[in-house]
Amino acid sequence: MRNTEVVLGIDIGGTNCAFGLVEGTGKILFKDSVPTQSEQPAAKLISRILYSINSWISGNKDKQIIIRGVGVGAPNGNYYNGYIENPPNLK
């Protein structure tokens, strides 16, 4: 089994949330999207994202995936404090 270091990119949109695992070379190993369901709590969105990623990892047992960082694109993301503040498309 080889170690594969990746970053997780997440783009939270009003309708869908796209995400993927990317190697340092820029190679996309996995990408998917789930409905944002903005009327639901954020924890449910995170659970759906993790379920999709964990399902992919389970099917790729030849790799040991190591997530080294996470980047999130979201409306009203505050670079200075790391919070999403009063997003117009999320609860």
Protein backbone atom coordinates (compact mmCIF):
# COMPACT_ATOMS: atom_id res chain seq x y z
CA MET A 1 0.00 0.00 0.00
CA ARG A 2 1.39 3.37 -0.90
CA ASN A 3 0.78 6.63 0.94
CA THR A 4 -1.04 9.19 -1.15
CA GLU A 5 -1.04 12.73 0.22
CA VAL A 6 -3.96 14.87 -0.93
CA VAL A 7 -5.86 18.02 -0.15
CA LEU A 8 -9.63 18.17 0.03
CA GLY A 9 -11.25 21.00 -1.90
CA ILE A 10 -14.87 21.91 -1.16
CA ASP A 11 -17.02 24.41 -3.05
CA ILE A 12 -20.25 25.15 -1.19
CA GLY A 13 -22.89 26.46 -3.56
CA GLY A 14 -26.51 27.30 -3.00
CA THR A 15 -27.75 24.23 -4.86
CA ASN A 16 -24.84 21.79 -4.88
CA CYS A 17 -21.63 21.25 -2.99
CA ALA A 18 -18.73 20.02 -5.14
CA PHE A 19 -15.63 18.47 -3.61
CA GLY A 20 -12.60 16.47 -4.52
CA LEU A 21 -9.27 15.00 -3.48
CA VAL A 22 -6.24 16.39 -5.29
CA GLU A 23 -2.59 15.35 -5.19
CA GLY A 24 0.20 17.92 -4.90
CA THR A 25 0.89 17.54 -8.62
CA GLY A 26 -2.66 18.74 -9.36
CA LYS A 27 -3.94 15.29 -10.31
CA ILE A 28 -7.57 14.91 -9.29
CA LEU A 29 -8.06 11.50 -7.69
CA PHE A 30 -11.72 11.83 -6.82
CA LYS A 31 -14.51 14.32 -7.33
CA ASP A 32 -18.18 14.31 -6.51
CA SER A 33 -21.03 16.60 -5.55
CA VAL A 34 -24.03 16.42 -3.26
CA PRO A 35 -27.08 18.64 -2.93
CA THR A 36 -26.34 21.45 -0.48
CA GLN A 37 -29.82 21.27 1.08
CA SER A 38 -29.31 24.69 2.62
CA GLU A 39 -32.35 24.34 4.88
CA GLN A 40 -30.53 21.56 6.77
CA PRO A 41 -27.81 22.11 9.42
CA ALA A 42 -24.23 22.29 8.14
CA ALA A 43 -23.36 19.09 10.04
CA LYS A 44 -25.63 17.11 7.70
CA LEU A 45 -23.83 18.51 4.66
CA ILE A 46 -20.47 17.56 6.14
CA SER A 47 -21.76 14.05 6.87
CA ARG A 48 -22.85 13.60 3.24
CA ILE A 49 -19.46 14.79 1.99
CA LEU A 50 -17.60 12.46 4.35
CA TYR A 51 -19.80 9.52 3.40
CA SER A 52 -18.97 10.01 -0.27
CA ILE A 53 -15.22 10.39 0.38
CA ASN A 54 -15.10 7.40 2.74
CA SER A 55 -16.97 5.26 0.19
CA TRP A 56 -14.36 6.12 -2.44
CA ILE A 57 -11.47 5.46 -0.05
CA SER A 58 -12.98 2.07 0.87
CA GLY A 59 -12.93 1.11 -2.79
CA ASN A 60 -9.27 2.12 -3.17
CA LYS A 61 -7.54 -0.03 -0.60
CA ASP A 62 -4.29 0.01 -2.60
CA LYS A 63 -3.77 3.61 -1.43
CA GLN A 64 -3.40 4.99 2.06
CA ILE A 65 -5.03 8.41 1.67
CA ILE A 66 -3.57 11.12 3.89
CA ILE A 67 -5.50 14.40 3.82
CA ARG A 68 -2.94 17.17 4.48
CA GLY A 69 -5.27 20.13 4.17
CA VAL A 70 -8.76 21.33 3.39
CA GLY A 71 -9.78 24.35 1.33
CA VAL A 72 -13.35 25.65 1.35
CA GLY A 73 -14.95 28.08 -1.05
CA ALA A 74 -18.16 29.55 0.30
CA PRO A 75 -20.07 32.83 0.16
CA ASN A 76 -18.99 35.26 2.89
CA GLY A 77 -16.02 33.14 3.92
CA ASN A 78 -13.84 35.27 6.21
CA TYR A 79 -10.17 34.70 5.39
CA TYR A 80 -9.02 36.30 8.63
CA ASN A 81 -10.97 34.23 11.14
CA GLY A 82 -11.75 31.08 9.13
CA TYR A 83 -15.53 31.34 9.51
CA ILE A 84 -18.37 31.51 7.02
CA GLU A 85 -20.36 34.52 8.18
CA ASN A 86 -24.04 35.00 7.32
CA PRO A 87 -23.96 33.20 3.97
CA PRO A 88 -26.93 34.18 1.80
CA ASN A 89 -27.45 30.61 0.57
CA LEU A 90 -27.02 28.60 3.79
CA LYS A 91 -28.89 28.22 7.05
